Amino acid sequence: MNKVGQIYKERGTPNIWVITKCDGRECNMICQDGEVTYGYVPHFFWEKLELVAEYQTWQEAVNSKEFKVGEK
């Protein structure tokens, strides 16, 4: 189940994503590079993601060591 505060690594890329809002199949996510997605997240995209950590809030997640990996 997807929920706010989860951190995902996108397989095959350096991208790390945090869920900032989630209501069923529609989620808002922010990527480490600043990209933001809103709304429906396609099934094929979820298949590329690997859960790496969970936090109580999205704010804790974006300030975590897991999300900051590789930051310049």
N, C-alpha and C. Protein backbone atom coordinates (compact mmCIF):
# COMPACT_ATOMS: atom_id res chain seq x y z
N MET A 1 0.84 -1.18 0.00
CA MET A 1 0.00 0.00 0.00
C MET A 1 0.89 1.25 0.00
N ASN A 2 0.60 2.16 -0.87
CA ASN A 2 1.37 3.40 -0.96
C ASN A 2 0.82 4.42 0.03
N LYS A 3 1.75 5.10 0.72
CA LYS A 3 1.30 6.11 1.67
C LYS A 3 2.33 7.23 1.80
N VAL A 4 1.87 8.33 2.32
CA VAL A 4 2.70 9.51 2.51
C VAL A 4 3.91 9.17 3.37
N GLY A 5 5.07 9.69 2.96
CA GLY A 5 6.30 9.48 3.72
C GLY A 5 7.15 8.33 3.23
N GLN A 6 6.66 7.58 2.25
CA GLN A 6 7.45 6.48 1.71
C GLN A 6 8.48 7.02 0.72
N ILE A 7 9.67 6.42 0.74
CA ILE A 7 10.75 6.79 -0.16
C ILE A 7 11.01 5.61 -1.09
N TYR A 8 11.05 5.90 -2.38
CA TYR A 8 11.27 4.88 -3.39
C TYR A 8 12.48 5.20 -4.25
N LYS A 9 13.21 4.17 -4.63
CA LYS A 9 14.31 4.26 -5.59
C LYS A 9 13.76 3.75 -6.91
N GLU A 10 13.98 4.53 -7.99
CA GLU A 10 13.53 4.11 -9.31
C GLU A 10 14.62 3.24 -9.94
N ARG A 11 14.32 1.98 -10.17
CA ARG A 11 15.30 1.03 -10.73
C ARG A 11 15.83 1.52 -12.08
N GLY A 12 17.14 1.36 -12.26
CA GLY A 12 17.76 1.73 -13.52
C GLY A 12 18.07 3.20 -13.67
N THR A 13 17.77 3.99 -12.65
CA THR A 13 18.04 5.42 -12.68
C THR A 13 18.58 5.84 -11.31
N PRO A 14 19.11 7.05 -11.20
CA PRO A 14 19.53 7.54 -9.89
C PRO A 14 18.38 8.20 -9.11
N ASN A 15 17.16 8.20 -9.67
CA ASN A 15 16.04 8.93 -9.08
C ASN A 15 15.53 8.31 -7.79
N ILE A 16 15.28 9.19 -6.82
CA ILE A 16 14.67 8.81 -5.55
C ILE A 16 13.43 9.68 -5.38
N TRP A 17 12.31 9.04 -5.05
CA TRP A 17 11.01 9.71 -4.95
C TRP A 17 10.43 9.61 -3.55
N VAL A 18 9.68 10.64 -3.14
CA VAL A 18 8.94 10.62 -1.87
C VAL A 18 7.48 10.90 -2.18
N ILE A 19 6.59 10.12 -1.57
CA ILE A 19 5.16 10.37 -1.70
C ILE A 19 4.79 11.49 -0.73
N THR A 20 4.21 12.57 -1.26
CA THR A 20 3.82 13.71 -0.43
C THR A 20 2.32 13.75 -0.17
N LYS A 21 1.54 13.07 -1.01
CA LYS A 21 0.09 12.98 -0.83
C LYS A 21 -0.36 11.75 -1.60
N CYS A 22 -1.29 11.00 -1.03
CA CYS A 22 -1.76 9.81 -1.72
C CYS A 22 -3.21 9.53 -1.35
N ASP A 23 -4.02 9.34 -2.37
CA ASP A 23 -5.44 9.06 -2.18
C ASP A 23 -5.82 7.97 -3.18
N GLY A 24 -5.66 6.74 -2.78
CA GLY A 24 -5.95 5.63 -3.68
C GLY A 24 -4.90 5.52 -4.77
N ARG A 25 -5.33 5.63 -6.02
CA ARG A 25 -4.40 5.49 -7.15
C ARG A 25 -3.77 6.82 -7.54
N GLU A 26 -4.19 7.91 -6.93
CA GLU A 26 -3.63 9.21 -7.25
C GLU A 26 -2.67 9.64 -6.15
N CYS A 27 -1.44 9.96 -6.56
CA CYS A 27 -0.41 10.35 -5.60
C CYS A 27 0.37 11.56 -6.11
N ASN A 28 0.80 12.37 -5.19
CA ASN A 28 1.74 13.43 -5.49
C ASN A 28 3.10 12.95 -5.00
N MET A 29 4.11 13.14 -5.84
CA MET A 29 5.45 12.68 -5.49
C MET A 29 6.46 13.75 -5.87
N ILE A 30 7.55 13.79 -5.12
CA ILE A 30 8.65 14.69 -5.45
C ILE A 30 9.91 13.86 -5.61
N CYS A 31 10.67 14.22 -6.65
CA CYS A 31 11.92 13.53 -6.94
C CYS A 31 13.07 14.34 -6.35
N GLN A 32 14.14 13.68 -6.09
CA GLN A 32 15.34 14.31 -5.55
C GLN A 32 15.83 15.46 -6.43
N ASP A 33 15.59 15.36 -7.75
CA ASP A 33 16.06 16.41 -8.67
C ASP A 33 15.08 17.59 -8.76
N GLY A 34 13.99 17.54 -7.99
CA GLY A 34 13.03 18.63 -7.96
C GLY A 34 11.79 18.40 -8.81
N GLU A 35 11.79 17.34 -9.62
CA GLU A 35 10.61 17.04 -10.43
C GLU A 35 9.45 16.65 -9.51
N VAL A 36 8.24 17.08 -9.87
CA VAL A 36 7.05 16.79 -9.08
C VAL A 36 6.01 16.15 -9.99
N THR A 37 5.33 15.13 -9.49
CA THR A 37 4.23 14.52 -10.24
C THR A 37 2.96 14.70 -9.42
N TYR A 38 1.84 14.88 -10.12
CA TYR A 38 0.54 15.04 -9.49
C TYR A 38 -0.46 14.11 -10.14
N GLY A 39 -1.31 13.50 -9.34
CA GLY A 39 -2.41 12.72 -9.88
C GLY A 39 -2.11 11.26 -10.08
N TYR A 40 -2.74 10.69 -11.10
CA TYR A 40 -2.65 9.26 -11.37
C TYR A 40 -1.22 8.86 -11.71
N VAL A 41 -0.73 7.83 -11.04
CA VAL A 41 0.60 7.29 -11.31
C VAL A 41 0.38 5.94 -12.02
N PRO A 42 0.85 5.83 -13.27
CA PRO A 42 0.61 4.60 -14.03
C PRO A 42 1.22 3.36 -13.38
N HIS A 43 0.58 2.23 -13.60
CA HIS A 43 1.01 0.95 -13.03
C HIS A 43 2.46 0.63 -13.41
N PHE A 44 2.84 0.90 -14.67
CA PHE A 44 4.20 0.59 -15.11
C PHE A 44 5.25 1.37 -14.33
N PHE A 45 4.89 2.58 -13.85
CA PHE A 45 5.85 3.36 -13.08
C PHE A 45 6.05 2.74 -11.69
N TRP A 46 4.97 2.31 -11.05
CA TRP A 46 5.08 1.66 -9.74
C TRP A 46 5.95 0.41 -9.82
N GLU A 47 5.89 -0.29 -10.95
CA GLU A 47 6.69 -1.51 -11.11
C GLU A 47 8.19 -1.21 -11.12
N LYS A 48 8.58 0.01 -11.46
CA LYS A 48 9.99 0.40 -11.51
C LYS A 48 10.51 0.89 -10.15
N LEU A 49 9.62 1.00 -9.16
CA LEU A 49 10.02 1.57 -7.88
C LEU A 49 10.28 0.50 -6.83
N GLU A 50 11.29 0.75 -6.02
CA GLU A 50 11.64 -0.15 -4.91
C GLU A 50 11.58 0.67 -3.62
N LEU A 51 10.79 0.22 -2.66
CA LEU A 51 10.66 0.91 -1.38
C LEU A 51 11.97 0.82 -0.61
N VAL A 52 12.50 1.98 -0.18
CA VAL A 52 13.76 1.97 0.57
C VAL A 52 13.60 2.43 2.01
N ALA A 53 12.55 3.23 2.31
CA ALA A 53 12.34 3.70 3.68
C ALA A 53 10.93 4.27 3.83
N GLU A 54 10.49 4.35 5.08
CA GLU A 54 9.19 4.95 5.39
C GLU A 54 9.34 5.88 6.58
N TYR A 55 8.69 7.02 6.49
CA TYR A 55 8.68 8.00 7.58
C TYR A 55 7.24 8.39 7.87
N GLN A 56 7.02 8.98 9.04
CA GLN A 56 5.67 9.38 9.45
C GLN A 56 5.10 10.48 8.57
N THR A 57 5.96 11.40 8.10
CA THR A 57 5.50 12.50 7.26
C THR A 57 6.40 12.64 6.04
N TRP A 58 5.90 13.30 5.01
CA TRP A 58 6.73 13.52 3.82
C TRP A 58 7.85 14.49 4.13
N GLN A 59 7.64 15.41 5.10
CA GLN A 59 8.70 16.36 5.47
C GLN A 59 9.90 15.62 6.07
N GLU A 60 9.62 14.64 6.93
CA GLU A 60 10.71 13.83 7.49
C GLU A 60 11.42 13.06 6.37
N ALA A 61 10.64 12.56 5.42
CA ALA A 61 11.21 11.77 4.33
C ALA A 61 12.16 12.61 3.46
N VAL A 62 11.76 13.83 3.09
CA VAL A 62 12.63 14.64 2.22
C VAL A 62 13.86 15.15 2.97
N ASN A 63 13.83 15.13 4.27
CA ASN A 63 15.00 15.53 5.06
C ASN A 63 15.84 14.34 5.52
N SER A 64 15.49 13.15 5.07
CA SER A 64 16.17 11.93 5.50
C SER A 64 17.45 11.67 4.72
N LYS A 65 18.30 10.82 5.28
CA LYS A 65 19.55 10.44 4.61
C LYS A 65 19.27 9.66 3.34
N GLU A 66 18.19 8.87 3.32
CA GLU A 66 17.85 8.08 2.13
C GLU A 66 17.51 8.98 0.93
N PHE A 67 16.82 10.07 1.20
CA PHE A 67 16.43 10.98 0.12
C PHE A 67 17.59 11.85 -0.32
N LYS A 68 18.48 12.16 0.60
CA LYS A 68 19.59 13.06 0.30
C LYS A 68 20.80 12.35 -0.33
N VAL A 69 20.73 11.05 -0.50
CA VAL A 69 21.82 10.28 -1.13
C VAL A 69 22.11 10.88 -2.51
N GLY A 70 23.36 11.19 -2.75
CA GLY A 70 23.76 11.68 -4.06
C GLY A 70 23.51 13.16 -4.30
N GLU A 71 22.97 13.87 -3.31
CA GLU A 71 22.78 15.31 -3.48
C GLU A 71 24.12 16.00 -3.62
N LYS A 72 24.13 17.05 -4.37
CA LYS A 72 25.35 17.82 -4.55
C LYS A 72 25.42 18.95 -3.57
